[in-house]
Amino acid sequence: MRSEIRARLARDAESVPEHDALKFVARLDGHRIVETHSTENKSLEGRTVGEIAAERGSRPIDVMFDVAIADGLRTIFVPDVGGDDQEAYELRGRLWKDDRTLIGASDAGAHLDLIDTFAFSTLLLERGVREHQVISLEEAIYQVTDRTARYFGLVDRGRISEGYCADIVLFDEATVARGPIYLRADMPGGAARVYADAVGIPHVFVNGVQIVRDGEHTGLRPGTVFRSGKDTKTVPMNELQERHFEQVS
């Protein structure tokens, strides 16, 4: 009976149409094992279900179930959503150059145990700048600092300038990257969230106070919660399109 149920689930996954928006979830062989919780599965972390299935001579769905059961159903599988090839990054590069767009990725934590889009800034520098070279280092920095601060109307932030708050991130352009993804249990009640440590960022300053030194947190917390109208100002909807309007005029 168990084998029959697995076979039916495998057929259901294969029957999802290619044009379906969630087809990538149904491609079981493309799922990568991010975190395991049993000794026998530890060596599988970082590998795809398809690779393991080929090695074992079994079906992808059997690999997923066997691994998950051995882990007490706590295994973290991440589907292959694609978009990491040169062509996809060239498309991103064209979008990033359009003054109607803003680089960023956040849903205010609604999927903090499922999605790793919090690392968009390090991925921008690692892949967009260094690996695929679809945006310059200077433009990338501007996009995620001054440009973003201007759009949200942040007062005295977003650039290194006299009179501005000294919020500074020092990174190595040759090594900056997103580290391995894992679960970090630091939420209320011991709940876990998807997390990844930054690589190549040795020092960070907030309000002129160093909060990261040689990659380690100093324990200092000089930041503050922003208050609308106090730490922000209202900006026009077309604030980021001024270059576009200048060219048109």
C-alpha atoms as a PDB file:
ATOM      1  CA  MET A   1       0.000   0.000   0.000  1.00  0.00           C
ATOM      2  CA  ARG A   2       2.808   2.433   0.874  1.00  0.00           C
ATOM      3  CA  SER A   3       4.465   1.847  -2.494  1.00  0.00           C
ATOM      4  CA  GLU A   4       1.157   2.411  -4.293  1.00  0.00           C
ATOM      5  CA  ILE A   5       0.592   5.726  -2.506  1.00  0.00           C
ATOM      6  CA  ARG A   6       4.086   6.920  -3.363  1.00  0.00           C
ATOM      7  CA  ALA A   7       3.618   5.917  -6.998  1.00  0.00           C
ATOM      8  CA  ARG A   8       0.343   7.822  -7.166  1.00  0.00           C
ATOM      9  CA  LEU A   9       1.920  10.932  -5.631  1.00  0.00           C
ATOM     10  CA  ALA A  10       4.793  10.688  -8.108  1.00  0.00           C
ATOM     11  CA  ARG A  11       2.340  10.501 -11.013  1.00  0.00           C
ATOM     12  CA  ASP A  12       0.436  13.488  -9.647  1.00  0.00           C
ATOM     13  CA  ALA A  13       3.651  15.512  -9.531  1.00  0.00           C
ATOM     14  CA  GLU A  14       4.564  14.517 -13.077  1.00  0.00           C
ATOM     15  CA  SER A  15       1.078  15.470 -14.326  1.00  0.00           C
ATOM     16  CA  VAL A  16       1.459  19.145 -13.403  1.00  0.00           C
ATOM     17  CA  PRO A  17       1.492  21.088 -16.729  1.00  0.00           C
ATOM     18  CA  GLU A  18       4.796  22.628 -17.808  1.00  0.00           C
ATOM     19  CA  HIS A  19       3.207  26.090 -17.975  1.00  0.00           C
ATOM     20  CA  ASP A  20       1.920  25.899 -14.388  1.00  0.00           C
ATOM     21  CA  ALA A  21       3.431  28.603 -12.166  1.00  0.00           C
ATOM     22  CA  LEU A  22       4.323  26.025  -9.502  1.00  0.00           C
ATOM     23  CA  LYS A  23       5.740  23.391 -11.847  1.00  0.00           C
ATOM     24  CA  PHE A  24       9.158  23.872 -10.256  1.00  0.00           C
ATOM     25  CA  VAL A  25       7.767  22.484  -6.982  1.00  0.00           C
ATOM     26  CA  ALA A  26       6.561  19.346  -8.769  1.00  0.00           C
ATOM     27  CA  ARG A  27      10.023  18.615 -10.205  1.00  0.00           C
ATOM     28  CA  LEU A  28      11.010  16.393  -7.306  1.00  0.00           C
ATOM     29  CA  ASP A  29      14.449  15.533  -8.678  1.00  0.00           C
ATOM     30  CA  GLY A  30      15.409  19.215  -8.607  1.00  0.00           C
ATOM     31  CA  HIS A  31      14.840  19.653  -4.874  1.00  0.00           C
ATOM     32  CA  ARG A  32      18.039  20.225  -2.905  1.00  0.00           C
ATOM     33  CA  ILE A  33      18.470  18.938   0.653  1.00  0.00           C
ATOM     34  CA  VAL A  34      19.450  21.943   2.758  1.00  0.00           C
ATOM     35  CA  GLU A  35      19.270  20.558   6.291  1.00  0.00           C
ATOM     36  CA  THR A  36      18.944  17.089   7.807  1.00  0.00           C
ATOM     37  CA  HIS A  37      18.488  15.884  11.373  1.00  0.00           C
ATOM     38  CA  SER A  38      19.798  12.322  11.449  1.00  0.00           C
ATOM     39  CA  THR A  39      23.340  10.986  11.304  1.00  0.00           C
ATOM     40  CA  GLU A  40      22.604   8.783   8.300  1.00  0.00           C
ATOM     41  CA  ASN A  41      21.362  11.767   6.254  1.00  0.00           C
ATOM     42  CA  LYS A  42      24.044  14.313   7.162  1.00  0.00           C
ATOM     43  CA  SER A  43      26.172  13.538   4.101  1.00  0.00           C
ATOM     44  CA  LEU A  44      23.198  14.315   1.834  1.00  0.00           C
ATOM     45  CA  GLU A  45      23.103  18.026   2.673  1.00  0.00           C
ATOM     46  CA  GLY A  46      23.752  20.195  -0.371  1.00  0.00           C
ATOM     47  CA  ARG A  47      22.857  17.440  -2.824  1.00  0.00           C
ATOM     48  CA  THR A  48      19.793  17.194  -5.071  1.00  0.00           C
ATOM     49  CA  VAL A  49      17.162  14.502  -4.788  1.00  0.00           C
ATOM     50  CA  GLY A  50      17.832  13.569  -8.427  1.00  0.00           C
ATOM     51  CA  GLU A  51      21.535  12.979  -7.767  1.00  0.00           C
ATOM     52  CA  ILE A  52      20.803  10.759  -4.783  1.00  0.00           C
ATOM     53  CA  ALA A  53      18.062   8.866  -6.636  1.00  0.00           C
ATOM     54  CA  ALA A  54      20.408   8.105  -9.562  1.00  0.00           C
ATOM     55  CA  GLU A  55      23.084   6.935  -7.139  1.00  0.00           C
ATOM     56  CA  ARG A  56      20.660   4.658  -5.305  1.00  0.00           C
ATOM     57  CA  GLY A  57      18.792   3.485  -8.371  1.00  0.00           C
ATOM     58  CA  SER A  58      15.484   4.623  -6.883  1.00  0.00           C
ATOM     59  CA  ARG A  59      12.742   7.128  -7.624  1.00  0.00           C
ATOM     60  CA  PRO A  60      13.056  10.748  -6.481  1.00  0.00           C
ATOM     61  CA  ILE A  61       9.876  10.463  -4.442  1.00  0.00           C
ATOM     62  CA  ASP A  62      11.279   7.462  -2.557  1.00  0.00           C
ATOM     63  CA  VAL A  63      14.421   9.436  -1.717  1.00  0.00           C
ATOM     64  CA  MET A  64      12.347  12.326  -0.385  1.00  0.00           C
ATOM     65  CA  PHE A  65      10.148  10.095   1.764  1.00  0.00           C
ATOM     66  CA  ASP A  66      12.993   7.898   3.064  1.00  0.00           C
ATOM     67  CA  VAL A  67      15.122  10.884   4.023  1.00  0.00           C
ATOM     68  CA  ALA A  68      12.209  12.773   5.587  1.00  0.00           C
ATOM     69  CA  ILE A  69      11.061   9.781   7.636  1.00  0.00           C
ATOM     70  CA  ALA A  70      14.596   9.163   8.937  1.00  0.00           C
ATOM     71  CA  ASP A  71      14.685  12.840   9.963  1.00  0.00           C
ATOM     72  CA  GLY A  72      11.368  12.739  11.777  1.00  0.00           C
ATOM     73  CA  LEU A  73       9.837  14.887   9.005  1.00  0.00           C
ATOM     74  CA  ARG A  74      12.191  17.791   9.776  1.00  0.00           C
ATOM     75  CA  THR A  75      14.251  17.710   6.582  1.00  0.00           C
ATOM     76  CA  ILE A  76      14.479  20.985   4.655  1.00  0.00           C
ATOM     77  CA  PHE A  77      14.050  20.537   0.891  1.00  0.00           C
ATOM     78  CA  VAL A  78      14.417  23.534  -1.416  1.00  0.00           C
ATOM     79  CA  PRO A  79      13.064  23.330  -4.998  1.00  0.00           C
ATOM     80  CA  ASP A  80      15.090  24.507  -7.961  1.00  0.00           C
ATOM     81  CA  VAL A  81      13.345  27.705  -9.063  1.00  0.00           C
ATOM     82  CA  GLY A  82      15.888  28.353 -11.806  1.00  0.00           C
ATOM     83  CA  GLY A  83      17.067  31.805 -12.781  1.00  0.00           C
ATOM     84  CA  ASP A  84      20.746  31.321 -11.940  1.00  0.00           C
ATOM     85  CA  ASP A  85      22.096  31.102 -15.495  1.00  0.00           C
ATOM     86  CA  GLN A  86      23.716  33.884 -17.538  1.00  0.00           C
ATOM     87  CA  GLU A  87      20.590  34.545 -19.618  1.00  0.00           C
ATOM     88  CA  ALA A  88      18.457  35.051 -16.498  1.00  0.00           C
ATOM     89  CA  TYR A  89      21.001  37.446 -15.012  1.00  0.00           C
ATOM     90  CA  GLU A  90      21.217  39.431 -18.236  1.00  0.00           C
ATOM     91  CA  LEU A  91      17.453  39.906 -17.999  1.00  0.00           C
ATOM     92  CA  ARG A  92      17.859  41.030 -14.394  1.00  0.00           C
ATOM     93  CA  GLY A  93      20.571  43.428 -15.513  1.00  0.00           C
ATOM     94  CA  ARG A  94      18.216  45.079 -17.996  1.00  0.00           C
ATOM     95  CA  LEU A  95      15.547  45.417 -15.334  1.00  0.00           C
ATOM     96  CA  TRP A  96      18.004  46.849 -12.808  1.00  0.00           C
ATOM     97  CA  LYS A  97      18.962  49.555 -15.303  1.00  0.00           C
ATOM     98  CA  ASP A  98      15.325  50.614 -15.734  1.00  0.00           C
ATOM     99  CA  ASP A  99      14.578  53.597 -13.484  1.00  0.00           C
ATOM    100  CA  ARG A 100      11.088  52.259 -12.788  1.00  0.00           C
ATOM    101  CA  THR A 101      12.500  49.365 -10.767  1.00  0.00           C
ATOM    102  CA  LEU A 102      13.977  49.032  -7.289  1.00  0.00           C
ATOM    103  CA  ILE A 103      16.274  46.187  -6.232  1.00  0.00           C
ATOM    104  CA  GLY A 104      14.967  44.395  -3.175  1.00  0.00           C
ATOM    105  CA  ALA A 105      13.152  41.330  -1.927  1.00  0.00           C
ATOM    106  CA  SER A 106      10.928  41.177   1.115  1.00  0.00           C
ATOM    107  CA  ASP A 107       7.475  40.095   2.169  1.00  0.00           C
ATOM    108  CA  ALA A 108       7.899  41.437   5.726  1.00  0.00           C
ATOM    109  CA  GLY A 109       8.777  37.998   7.072  1.00  0.00           C
ATOM    110  CA  ALA A 110       5.621  36.177   5.942  1.00  0.00           C
ATOM    111  CA  HIS A 111       7.740  33.280   4.655  1.00  0.00           C
ATOM    112  CA  LEU A 112      10.735  33.526   6.963  1.00  0.00           C
ATOM    113  CA  ASP A 113      10.813  29.741   7.386  1.00  0.00           C
ATOM    114  CA  LEU A 114      10.612  29.039   3.646  1.00  0.00           C
ATOM    115  CA  ILE A 115      12.247  31.732   1.496  1.00  0.00           C
ATOM    116  CA  ASP A 116      15.781  33.143   1.531  1.00  0.00           C
ATOM    117  CA  THR A 117      15.218  36.378  -0.393  1.00  0.00           C
ATOM    118  CA  PHE A 118      16.668  38.300   2.564  1.00  0.00           C
ATOM    119  CA  ALA A 119      20.116  37.715   0.985  1.00  0.00           C
ATOM    120  CA  PHE A 120      19.394  39.715  -2.174  1.00  0.00           C
ATOM    121  CA  SER A 121      22.120  42.279  -1.472  1.00  0.00           C
ATOM    122  CA  THR A 122      24.969  39.781  -1.118  1.00  0.00           C
ATOM    123  CA  LEU A 123      23.683  37.798  -4.109  1.00  0.00           C
ATOM    124  CA  LEU A 124      23.597  41.022  -6.137  1.00  0.00           C
ATOM    125  CA  LEU A 125      27.293  41.610  -5.417  1.00  0.00           C
ATOM    126  CA  GLU A 126      28.299  37.964  -5.691  1.00  0.00           C
ATOM    127  CA  ARG A 127      26.434  36.975  -8.842  1.00  0.00           C
ATOM    128  CA  GLY A 128      25.124  40.138 -10.503  1.00  0.00           C
ATOM    129  CA  VAL A 129      28.444  42.005 -10.229  1.00  0.00           C
ATOM    130  CA  ARG A 130      31.227  39.448  -9.898  1.00  0.00           C
ATOM    131  CA  GLU A 131      30.022  36.270 -11.608  1.00  0.00           C
ATOM    132  CA  HIS A 132      27.648  37.404 -14.363  1.00  0.00           C
ATOM    133  CA  GLN A 133      28.858  41.016 -14.682  1.00  0.00           C
ATOM    134  CA  VAL A 134      25.471  42.466 -15.649  1.00  0.00           C
ATOM    135  CA  ILE A 135      25.808  45.496 -13.371  1.00  0.00           C
ATOM    136  CA  SER A 136      28.822  47.493 -12.220  1.00  0.00           C
ATOM    137  CA  LEU A 137      29.963  47.448  -8.605  1.00  0.00           C
ATOM    138  CA  GLU A 138      29.323  51.183  -8.264  1.00  0.00           C
ATOM    139  CA  GLU A 139      25.798  50.941  -9.678  1.00  0.00           C
ATOM    140  CA  ALA A 140      24.955  47.949  -7.500  1.00  0.00           C
ATOM    141  CA  ILE A 141      26.029  49.782  -4.350  1.00  0.00           C
ATOM    142  CA  TYR A 142      24.009  52.838  -5.359  1.00  0.00           C
ATOM    143  CA  GLN A 143      20.951  50.705  -6.073  1.00  0.00           C
ATOM    144  CA  VAL A 144      20.820  49.163  -2.578  1.00  0.00           C
ATOM    145  CA  THR A 145      21.874  52.253  -0.609  1.00  0.00           C
ATOM    146  CA  ASP A 146      21.142  55.799  -1.793  1.00  0.00           C
ATOM    147  CA  ARG A 147      18.489  54.836  -4.320  1.00  0.00           C
ATOM    148  CA  THR A 148      16.555  52.737  -1.822  1.00  0.00           C
ATOM    149  CA  ALA A 149      16.851  55.380   0.910  1.00  0.00           C
ATOM    150  CA  ARG A 150      15.529  58.052  -1.452  1.00  0.00           C
ATOM    151  CA  TYR A 151      12.518  55.984  -2.452  1.00  0.00           C
ATOM    152  CA  PHE A 152      11.509  55.309   1.150  1.00  0.00           C
ATOM    153  CA  GLY A 153      12.284  58.885   2.158  1.00  0.00           C
ATOM    154  CA  LEU A 154      14.838  57.931   4.817  1.00  0.00           C
ATOM    155  CA  VAL A 155      16.303  61.072   6.350  1.00  0.00           C
ATOM    156  CA  ASP A 156      20.110  61.462   6.321  1.00  0.00           C
ATOM    157  CA  ARG A 157      20.776  57.889   5.273  1.00  0.00           C
ATOM    158  CA  GLY A 158      21.831  55.987   2.175  1.00  0.00           C
ATOM    159  CA  ARG A 159      25.150  57.625   1.370  1.00  0.00           C
ATOM    160  CA  ILE A 160      28.483  58.588   2.898  1.00  0.00           C
ATOM    161  CA  SER A 161      28.201  62.348   3.165  1.00  0.00           C
ATOM    162  CA  GLU A 162      28.706  65.087   5.751  1.00  0.00           C
ATOM    163  CA  GLY A 163      25.704  65.338   8.030  1.00  0.00           C
ATOM    164  CA  TYR A 164      24.470  61.810   7.217  1.00  0.00           C
ATOM    165  CA  CYS A 165      24.295  58.949   9.714  1.00  0.00           C
ATOM    166  CA  ALA A 166      27.444  56.822   9.533  1.00  0.00           C
ATOM    167  CA  ASP A 167      25.898  53.515   8.451  1.00  0.00           C
ATOM    168  CA  ILE A 168      28.752  51.764   6.657  1.00  0.00           C
ATOM    169  CA  VAL A 169      29.277  48.193   5.410  1.00  0.00           C
ATOM    170  CA  LEU A 170      32.861  47.252   4.520  1.00  0.00           C
ATOM    171  CA  PHE A 171      33.109  44.265   2.185  1.00  0.00           C
ATOM    172  CA  ASP A 172      35.658  42.481   0.020  1.00  0.00           C
ATOM    173  CA  GLU A 173      34.451  42.701  -3.577  1.00  0.00           C
ATOM    174  CA  ALA A 174      36.405  39.541  -4.466  1.00  0.00           C
ATOM    175  CA  THR A 175      34.739  37.322  -1.845  1.00  0.00           C
ATOM    176  CA  VAL A 176      31.438  38.903  -0.760  1.00  0.00           C
ATOM    177  CA  ALA A 177      28.710  36.281  -1.035  1.00  0.00           C
ATOM    178  CA  ARG A 178      25.796  34.561   0.639  1.00  0.00           C
ATOM    179  CA  GLY A 179      26.881  31.690   2.861  1.00  0.00           C
ATOM    180  CA  PRO A 180      25.133  28.297   3.076  1.00  0.00           C
ATOM    181  CA  ILE A 181      21.432  28.336   3.949  1.00  0.00           C
ATOM    182  CA  TYR A 182      20.387  26.767   7.238  1.00  0.00           C
ATOM    183  CA  LEU A 183      17.709  26.995   9.924  1.00  0.00           C
ATOM    184  CA  ARG A 184      18.403  29.323  12.847  1.00  0.00           C
ATOM    185  CA  ALA A 185      16.192  28.821  15.910  1.00  0.00           C
ATOM    186  CA  ASP A 186      16.203  32.334  17.350  1.00  0.00           C
ATOM    187  CA  MET A 187      12.545  33.271  17.027  1.00  0.00           C
ATOM    188  CA  PRO A 188      10.081  33.579  19.946  1.00  0.00           C
ATOM    189  CA  GLY A 189       9.227  30.186  21.396  1.00  0.00           C
ATOM    190  CA  GLY A 190      12.307  28.633  19.819  1.00  0.00           C
ATOM    191  CA  ALA A 191      10.841  28.760  16.312  1.00  0.00           C
ATOM    192  CA  ALA A 192      13.324  28.571  13.439  1.00  0.00           C
ATOM    193  CA  ARG A 193      13.823  30.712  10.365  1.00  0.00           C
ATOM    194  CA  VAL A 194      15.800  30.290   7.174  1.00  0.00           C
ATOM    195  CA  TYR A 195      19.158  32.015   7.540  1.00  0.00           C
ATOM    196  CA  ALA A 196      22.504  32.440   5.802  1.00  0.00           C
ATOM    197  CA  ASP A 197      25.615  34.143   7.103  1.00  0.00           C
ATOM    198  CA  ALA A 198      27.272  36.774   4.929  1.00  0.00           C
ATOM    199  CA  VAL A 199      30.722  36.036   3.531  1.00  0.00           C
ATOM    200  CA  GLY A 200      33.338  38.699   2.828  1.00  0.00           C
ATOM    201  CA  ILE A 201      31.833  41.392   5.089  1.00  0.00           C
ATOM    202  CA  PRO A 202      34.332  41.898   7.947  1.00  0.00           C
ATOM    203  CA  HIS A 203      33.142  45.228   9.377  1.00  0.00           C
ATOM    204  CA  VAL A 204      29.789  47.002   9.804  1.00  0.00           C
ATOM    205  CA  PHE A 205      29.051  50.372  11.417  1.00  0.00           C
ATOM    206  CA  VAL A 206      25.640  51.692  12.501  1.00  0.00           C
ATOM    207  CA  ASN A 207      25.349  55.332  13.517  1.00  0.00           C
ATOM    208  CA  GLY A 208      29.143  55.429  13.616  1.00  0.00           C
ATOM    209  CA  VAL A 209      29.392  52.526  16.070  1.00  0.00           C
ATOM    210  CA  GLN A 210      31.029  49.274  14.981  1.00  0.00           C
ATOM    211  CA  ILE A 211      28.593  46.380  15.386  1.00  0.00           C
ATOM    212  CA  VAL A 212      30.591  43.793  13.392  1.00  0.00           C
ATOM    213  CA  ARG A 213      34.370  43.434  13.728  1.00  0.00           C
ATOM    214  CA  ASP A 214      36.255  40.778  11.748  1.00  0.00           C
ATOM    215  CA  GLY A 215      32.965  39.047  11.003  1.00  0.00           C
ATOM    216  CA  GLU A 216      31.848  38.839  14.631  1.00  0.00           C
ATOM    217  CA  HIS A 217      29.089  40.882  16.306  1.00  0.00           C
ATOM    218  CA  THR A 218      30.467  43.256  18.924  1.00  0.00           C
ATOM    219  CA  GLY A 219      27.340  43.098  21.063  1.00  0.00           C
ATOM    220  CA  LEU A 220      26.607  46.791  20.553  1.00  0.00           C
ATOM    221  CA  ARG A 221      23.166  47.862  19.299  1.00  0.00           C
ATOM    222  CA  PRO A 222      23.238  51.574  18.411  1.00  0.00           C
ATOM    223  CA  GLY A 223      20.369  51.346  15.926  1.00  0.00           C
ATOM    224  CA  THR A 224      16.828  52.620  16.421  1.00  0.00           C
ATOM    225  CA  VAL A 225      13.335  51.893  15.157  1.00  0.00           C
ATOM    226  CA  PHE A 226      12.391  54.382  12.444  1.00  0.00           C
ATOM    227  CA  ARG A 227       9.322  56.521  13.023  1.00  0.00           C
ATOM    228  CA  SER A 228       7.297  57.835  10.121  1.00  0.00           C
ATOM    229  CA  GLY A 229       7.504  61.611   9.862  1.00  0.00           C
ATOM    230  CA  LYS A 230      10.495  61.740  12.205  1.00  0.00           C
ATOM    231  CA  ASP A 231      13.026  59.544  10.420  1.00  0.00           C
ATOM    232  CA  THR A 232      11.299  59.661   7.055  1.00  0.00           C
ATOM    233  CA  LYS A 233       9.855  62.203   4.683  1.00  0.00           C
ATOM    234  CA  THR A 234       7.212  61.889   2.009  1.00  0.00           C
ATOM    235  CA  VAL A 235       8.604  61.668  -1.510  1.00  0.00           C
ATOM    236  CA  PRO A 236       6.826  61.762  -4.899  1.00  0.00           C
ATOM    237  CA  MET A 237       5.881  58.430  -6.480  1.00  0.00           C
ATOM    238  CA  ASN A 238       8.177  59.236  -9.409  1.00  0.00           C
ATOM    239  CA  GLU A 239      11.153  60.088  -7.178  1.00  0.00           C
ATOM    240  CA  LEU A 240      13.282  57.340  -8.737  1.00  0.00           C
ATOM    241  CA  GLN A 241      12.344  58.233 -12.298  1.00  0.00           C
ATOM    242  CA  GLU A 242      13.867  61.685 -12.375  1.00  0.00           C
ATOM    243  CA  ARG A 243      16.631  60.559 -14.716  1.00  0.00           C
ATOM    244  CA  HIS A 244      13.995  59.123 -17.052  1.00  0.00           C
ATOM    245  CA  PHE A 245      11.980  62.347 -17.045  1.00  0.00           C
ATOM    246  CA  GLU A 246      15.113  64.414 -17.579  1.00  0.00           C
ATOM    247  CA  GLN A 247      15.953  62.377 -20.668  1.00  0.00           C
ATOM    248  CA  VAL A 248      12.413  62.667 -22.037  1.00  0.00           C
ATOM    249  CA  SER A 249      12.310  66.419 -21.516  1.00  0.00           C
END
